[in-house]
């Protein structure tokens, strides 16, 4: 999770998407037992995306485009690895972070 956070902060969305794609592929290869073990780390990755959005919603200070990461098929596959209730909570958190960042930056 820390490596993804680092990549989000210092690299472009292309590199972030490459890491998310690789992570998703490797987790799917290993199946449900491994996914259950790494669920806290996957949650940290989602929180890193939320934090990134809150801190810089208009992408003024970095290379990433929040929307391209959030709407990518790779990030969606990672979200799909969560159980229904947790996935709903994470999606709500992402939306709240997005709107909180947008409204806080305009005041």
N, C-alpha and C. Protein backbone atom coordinates (compact mmCIF):
# COMPACT_ATOMS: atom_id res chain seq x y z
N UNK A 1 0.83 -1.20 0.00
CA UNK A 1 0.00 0.00 0.00
C UNK A 1 0.87 1.26 0.00
N UNK A 2 1.98 1.22 0.72
CA UNK A 2 2.86 2.39 0.78
C UNK A 2 3.46 2.70 -0.59
N UNK A 3 3.76 1.66 -1.34
CA UNK A 3 4.34 1.87 -2.66
C UNK A 3 3.33 2.54 -3.59
N UNK A 4 2.07 2.16 -3.48
CA UNK A 4 1.02 2.79 -4.30
C UNK A 4 0.86 4.24 -3.88
N UNK A 5 0.88 4.53 -2.58
CA UNK A 5 0.79 5.91 -2.10
C UNK A 5 1.93 6.75 -2.66
N UNK A 6 3.13 6.21 -2.63
CA UNK A 6 4.29 6.90 -3.17
C UNK A 6 4.11 7.19 -4.66
N UNK A 7 3.63 6.20 -5.37
CA UNK A 7 3.43 6.35 -6.81
C UNK A 7 2.36 7.40 -7.10
N UNK A 8 1.30 7.41 -6.32
CA UNK A 8 0.24 8.41 -6.51
C UNK A 8 0.79 9.82 -6.32
N UNK A 9 1.63 9.98 -5.33
CA UNK A 9 2.15 11.31 -5.02
C UNK A 9 3.21 11.81 -6.00
N UNK A 10 4.03 10.92 -6.51
CA UNK A 10 5.21 11.37 -7.24
C UNK A 10 5.29 10.97 -8.71
N UNK A 11 4.34 10.19 -9.18
CA UNK A 11 4.40 9.75 -10.57
C UNK A 11 3.09 10.07 -11.27
N UNK A 12 3.08 9.88 -12.56
CA UNK A 12 1.88 10.20 -13.34
C UNK A 12 0.85 9.09 -13.20
N UNK A 13 -0.35 9.39 -13.69
CA UNK A 13 -1.42 8.40 -13.62
C UNK A 13 -1.08 7.14 -14.40
N UNK A 14 -0.27 7.26 -15.43
CA UNK A 14 0.11 6.08 -16.22
C UNK A 14 0.82 5.05 -15.34
N UNK A 15 1.76 5.50 -14.54
CA UNK A 15 2.48 4.58 -13.66
C UNK A 15 1.57 4.00 -12.58
N UNK A 16 0.68 4.83 -12.04
CA UNK A 16 -0.26 4.34 -11.03
C UNK A 16 -1.14 3.25 -11.62
N UNK A 17 -1.62 3.47 -12.83
CA UNK A 17 -2.49 2.49 -13.47
C UNK A 17 -1.75 1.19 -13.78
N UNK A 18 -0.48 1.29 -14.12
CA UNK A 18 0.31 0.08 -14.37
C UNK A 18 0.41 -0.75 -13.09
N UNK A 19 0.66 -0.08 -11.98
CA UNK A 19 0.77 -0.80 -10.69
C UNK A 19 -0.57 -1.41 -10.30
N UNK A 20 -1.65 -0.65 -10.46
CA UNK A 20 -2.97 -1.18 -10.12
C UNK A 20 -3.34 -2.37 -11.01
N UNK A 21 -3.00 -2.29 -12.28
CA UNK A 21 -3.27 -3.40 -13.20
C UNK A 21 -2.51 -4.64 -12.76
N UNK A 22 -1.23 -4.50 -12.48
CA UNK A 22 -0.41 -5.63 -12.06
C UNK A 22 -0.91 -6.22 -10.75
N UNK A 23 -1.25 -5.36 -9.82
CA UNK A 23 -1.77 -5.82 -8.53
C UNK A 23 -3.06 -6.61 -8.71
N UNK A 24 -3.97 -6.08 -9.52
CA UNK A 24 -5.23 -6.78 -9.76
C UNK A 24 -5.03 -8.14 -10.42
N UNK A 25 -4.14 -8.20 -11.40
CA UNK A 25 -3.87 -9.47 -12.08
C UNK A 25 -3.29 -10.50 -11.12
N UNK A 26 -2.35 -10.08 -10.32
CA UNK A 26 -1.71 -11.02 -9.39
C UNK A 26 -2.68 -11.51 -8.33
N UNK A 27 -3.54 -10.64 -7.84
CA UNK A 27 -4.52 -11.06 -6.84
C UNK A 27 -5.54 -12.02 -7.43
N UNK A 28 -5.97 -11.76 -8.65
CA UNK A 28 -6.93 -12.67 -9.28
C UNK A 28 -6.31 -14.05 -9.52
N UNK A 29 -5.03 -14.09 -9.82
CA UNK A 29 -4.36 -15.37 -10.05
C UNK A 29 -4.34 -16.22 -8.79
N UNK A 30 -4.20 -15.57 -7.63
CA UNK A 30 -4.07 -16.32 -6.37
C UNK A 30 -5.40 -16.64 -5.72
N UNK A 31 -6.44 -15.94 -6.06
CA UNK A 31 -7.77 -16.29 -5.57
C UNK A 31 -8.17 -15.68 -4.25
N UNK A 32 -9.29 -16.17 -3.73
CA UNK A 32 -9.98 -15.60 -2.58
C UNK A 32 -9.22 -15.60 -1.27
N UNK A 33 -8.46 -16.64 -1.00
CA UNK A 33 -7.75 -16.71 0.27
C UNK A 33 -6.72 -15.59 0.39
N UNK A 34 -5.99 -15.34 -0.67
CA UNK A 34 -4.99 -14.27 -0.65
C UNK A 34 -5.68 -12.91 -0.56
N UNK A 35 -6.78 -12.75 -1.27
CA UNK A 35 -7.51 -11.48 -1.24
C UNK A 35 -7.98 -11.18 0.19
N UNK A 36 -8.46 -12.21 0.89
CA UNK A 36 -8.89 -12.00 2.28
C UNK A 36 -7.73 -11.54 3.15
N UNK A 37 -6.54 -12.09 2.91
CA UNK A 37 -5.37 -11.73 3.72
C UNK A 37 -4.90 -10.30 3.45
N UNK A 38 -5.05 -9.83 2.22
CA UNK A 38 -4.53 -8.50 1.87
C UNK A 38 -5.61 -7.43 1.84
N UNK A 39 -6.80 -7.75 2.31
CA UNK A 39 -7.89 -6.77 2.31
C UNK A 39 -7.51 -5.48 3.03
N UNK A 40 -6.84 -5.51 4.19
CA UNK A 40 -6.46 -4.24 4.83
C UNK A 40 -5.53 -3.39 3.95
N UNK A 41 -4.62 -4.04 3.23
CA UNK A 41 -3.72 -3.30 2.35
C UNK A 41 -4.48 -2.72 1.15
N UNK A 42 -5.43 -3.47 0.63
CA UNK A 42 -6.26 -2.96 -0.47
C UNK A 42 -7.07 -1.76 -0.02
N UNK A 43 -7.55 -1.83 1.21
CA UNK A 43 -8.30 -0.70 1.77
C UNK A 43 -7.40 0.53 1.89
N UNK A 44 -6.15 0.32 2.29
CA UNK A 44 -5.19 1.43 2.37
C UNK A 44 -4.96 2.07 1.01
N UNK A 45 -4.93 1.25 -0.03
CA UNK A 45 -4.76 1.78 -1.39
C UNK A 45 -5.95 2.68 -1.75
N UNK A 46 -7.15 2.22 -1.43
CA UNK A 46 -8.34 3.03 -1.71
C UNK A 46 -8.31 4.32 -0.90
N UNK A 47 -7.88 4.25 0.34
CA UNK A 47 -7.77 5.44 1.17
C UNK A 47 -6.71 6.40 0.63
N UNK A 48 -5.65 5.86 0.06
CA UNK A 48 -4.62 6.71 -0.54
C UNK A 48 -5.19 7.51 -1.70
N UNK A 49 -6.04 6.88 -2.49
CA UNK A 49 -6.69 7.59 -3.59
C UNK A 49 -7.62 8.67 -3.04
N UNK A 50 -8.35 8.35 -1.96
CA UNK A 50 -9.23 9.34 -1.32
C UNK A 50 -8.42 10.53 -0.81
N UNK A 51 -7.34 10.25 -0.11
CA UNK A 51 -6.50 11.31 0.46
C UNK A 51 -5.93 12.18 -0.64
N UNK A 52 -5.52 11.55 -1.71
CA UNK A 52 -4.98 12.28 -2.84
C UNK A 52 -6.01 13.24 -3.41
N UNK A 53 -7.23 12.79 -3.50
CA UNK A 53 -8.30 13.63 -4.03
C UNK A 53 -8.60 14.79 -3.10
N UNK A 54 -8.65 14.53 -1.80
CA UNK A 54 -8.94 15.59 -0.83
C UNK A 54 -7.86 16.66 -0.83
N UNK A 55 -6.61 16.24 -0.96
CA UNK A 55 -5.49 17.18 -0.87
C UNK A 55 -5.30 18.02 -2.12
N UNK A 56 -5.69 17.50 -3.26
CA UNK A 56 -5.46 18.22 -4.51
C UNK A 56 -6.53 17.85 -5.54
N UNK A 57 -7.79 18.25 -5.31
CA UNK A 57 -8.89 17.81 -6.16
C UNK A 57 -8.80 18.31 -7.59
N UNK A 58 -8.14 19.43 -7.82
CA UNK A 58 -8.05 19.98 -9.17
C UNK A 58 -6.75 19.62 -9.87
N UNK A 59 -5.95 18.77 -9.22
CA UNK A 59 -4.69 18.28 -9.80
C UNK A 59 -3.74 19.41 -10.16
N UNK A 60 -3.69 20.45 -9.34
CA UNK A 60 -2.83 21.59 -9.65
C UNK A 60 -1.37 21.32 -9.30
N UNK A 61 -1.12 20.49 -8.31
CA UNK A 61 0.24 20.34 -7.79
C UNK A 61 0.91 19.02 -8.16
N UNK A 62 0.34 18.27 -9.08
CA UNK A 62 0.96 16.99 -9.41
C UNK A 62 0.55 16.54 -10.80
N UNK A 63 1.07 15.40 -11.20
CA UNK A 63 0.88 14.90 -12.56
C UNK A 63 -0.39 14.08 -12.73
N UNK A 64 -0.91 13.49 -11.65
CA UNK A 64 -2.03 12.57 -11.77
C UNK A 64 -3.35 13.26 -12.04
N UNK A 65 -4.21 12.56 -12.71
CA UNK A 65 -5.58 12.99 -12.91
C UNK A 65 -6.45 12.05 -12.07
N UNK A 66 -7.06 12.59 -11.03
CA UNK A 66 -7.83 11.75 -10.11
C UNK A 66 -8.88 10.95 -10.87
N UNK A 67 -9.56 11.57 -11.80
CA UNK A 67 -10.64 10.89 -12.52
C UNK A 67 -10.15 9.70 -13.32
N UNK A 68 -8.98 9.80 -13.90
CA UNK A 68 -8.48 8.68 -14.69
C UNK A 68 -8.13 7.49 -13.81
N UNK A 69 -7.69 7.73 -12.60
CA UNK A 69 -7.41 6.63 -11.67
C UNK A 69 -8.71 6.04 -11.14
N UNK A 70 -9.59 6.91 -10.71
CA UNK A 70 -10.85 6.46 -10.12
C UNK A 70 -11.71 5.68 -11.10
N UNK A 71 -11.75 6.10 -12.34
CA UNK A 71 -12.62 5.44 -13.32
C UNK A 71 -11.92 4.35 -14.11
N UNK A 72 -10.68 4.06 -13.80
CA UNK A 72 -9.96 3.03 -14.55
C UNK A 72 -10.52 1.65 -14.23
N UNK A 73 -10.44 0.77 -15.21
CA UNK A 73 -10.89 -0.59 -15.00
C UNK A 73 -10.04 -1.30 -13.95
N UNK A 74 -8.79 -0.90 -13.82
CA UNK A 74 -7.89 -1.54 -12.86
C UNK A 74 -8.29 -1.20 -11.42
N UNK A 75 -8.62 0.07 -11.18
CA UNK A 75 -9.07 0.45 -9.83
C UNK A 75 -10.42 -0.18 -9.53
N UNK A 76 -11.29 -0.23 -10.53
CA UNK A 76 -12.61 -0.85 -10.33
C UNK A 76 -12.48 -2.33 -10.00
N UNK A 77 -11.53 -3.01 -10.61
CA UNK A 77 -11.31 -4.43 -10.29
C UNK A 77 -10.86 -4.61 -8.86
N UNK A 78 -10.04 -3.68 -8.39
CA UNK A 78 -9.61 -3.76 -6.99
C UNK A 78 -10.80 -3.53 -6.07
N UNK A 79 -11.65 -2.55 -6.40
CA UNK A 79 -12.86 -2.33 -5.59
C UNK A 79 -13.77 -3.56 -5.60
N UNK A 80 -13.84 -4.23 -6.74
CA UNK A 80 -14.70 -5.42 -6.84
C UNK A 80 -14.22 -6.57 -5.98
N UNK A 81 -13.01 -6.53 -5.49
CA UNK A 81 -12.49 -7.60 -4.65
C UNK A 81 -13.05 -7.53 -3.23
N UNK A 82 -13.67 -6.41 -2.87
CA UNK A 82 -14.24 -6.26 -1.53
C UNK A 82 -15.64 -6.85 -1.50
N UNK A 83 -16.04 -7.25 -0.32
CA UNK A 83 -17.41 -7.72 -0.13
C UNK A 83 -18.36 -6.53 -0.26
N UNK A 84 -19.61 -6.81 -0.47
CA UNK A 84 -20.61 -5.80 -0.81
C UNK A 84 -20.64 -4.60 0.15
N UNK A 85 -20.73 -4.85 1.44
CA UNK A 85 -20.84 -3.77 2.40
C UNK A 85 -19.59 -2.91 2.43
N UNK A 86 -18.44 -3.53 2.40
CA UNK A 86 -17.17 -2.81 2.43
C UNK A 86 -16.99 -2.01 1.14
N UNK A 87 -17.38 -2.60 0.01
CA UNK A 87 -17.26 -1.91 -1.27
C UNK A 87 -18.15 -0.66 -1.27
N UNK A 88 -19.36 -0.78 -0.76
CA UNK A 88 -20.26 0.36 -0.68
C UNK A 88 -19.66 1.46 0.19
N UNK A 89 -19.10 1.09 1.33
CA UNK A 89 -18.47 2.06 2.22
C UNK A 89 -17.31 2.77 1.53
N UNK A 90 -16.47 2.01 0.84
CA UNK A 90 -15.32 2.61 0.15
C UNK A 90 -15.75 3.54 -0.98
N UNK A 91 -16.78 3.15 -1.71
CA UNK A 91 -17.28 4.01 -2.79
C UNK A 91 -17.84 5.31 -2.23
N UNK A 92 -18.56 5.22 -1.12
CA UNK A 92 -19.07 6.44 -0.47
C UNK A 92 -17.92 7.32 -0.01
N UNK A 93 -16.89 6.71 0.55
CA UNK A 93 -15.72 7.47 1.00
C UNK A 93 -15.04 8.18 -0.16
N UNK A 94 -14.92 7.52 -1.28
CA UNK A 94 -14.32 8.13 -2.46
C UNK A 94 -15.13 9.34 -2.93
N UNK A 95 -16.43 9.18 -2.98
CA UNK A 95 -17.29 10.30 -3.40
C UNK A 95 -17.23 11.45 -2.41
N UNK A 96 -17.26 11.14 -1.12
CA UNK A 96 -17.18 12.18 -0.11
C UNK A 96 -15.84 12.92 -0.19
N UNK A 97 -14.78 12.20 -0.39
CA UNK A 97 -13.46 12.82 -0.51
C UNK A 97 -13.40 13.72 -1.73
N UNK A 98 -13.97 13.27 -2.81
CA UNK A 98 -13.97 14.06 -4.04
C UNK A 98 -14.73 15.37 -3.84
N UNK A 99 -15.93 15.27 -3.30
CA UNK A 99 -16.73 16.48 -3.13
C UNK A 99 -16.20 17.36 -2.02
N UNK A 100 -15.69 16.77 -0.95
CA UNK A 100 -15.10 17.59 0.12
C UNK A 100 -13.91 18.38 -0.40
N UNK A 101 -13.09 17.73 -1.18
CA UNK A 101 -11.93 18.41 -1.77
C UNK A 101 -12.35 19.51 -2.73
N UNK A 102 -13.33 19.25 -3.55
CA UNK A 102 -13.80 20.25 -4.51
C UNK A 102 -14.33 21.47 -3.80
N UNK A 103 -15.19 21.27 -2.79
CA UNK A 103 -15.80 22.40 -2.12
C UNK A 103 -14.83 23.14 -1.20
N UNK A 104 -13.91 22.42 -0.58
CA UNK A 104 -12.92 23.06 0.28
C UNK A 104 -11.94 23.91 -0.53
N UNK A 105 -11.65 23.48 -1.73
CA UNK A 105 -10.68 24.22 -2.54
C UNK A 105 -11.28 25.50 -3.14
N UNK A 106 -12.60 25.57 -3.24
CA UNK A 106 -13.23 26.75 -3.84
C UNK A 106 -13.54 27.84 -2.84
N UNK A 107 -13.36 27.56 -1.54
CA UNK A 107 -13.66 28.57 -0.53
C UNK A 107 -12.42 29.32 -0.12
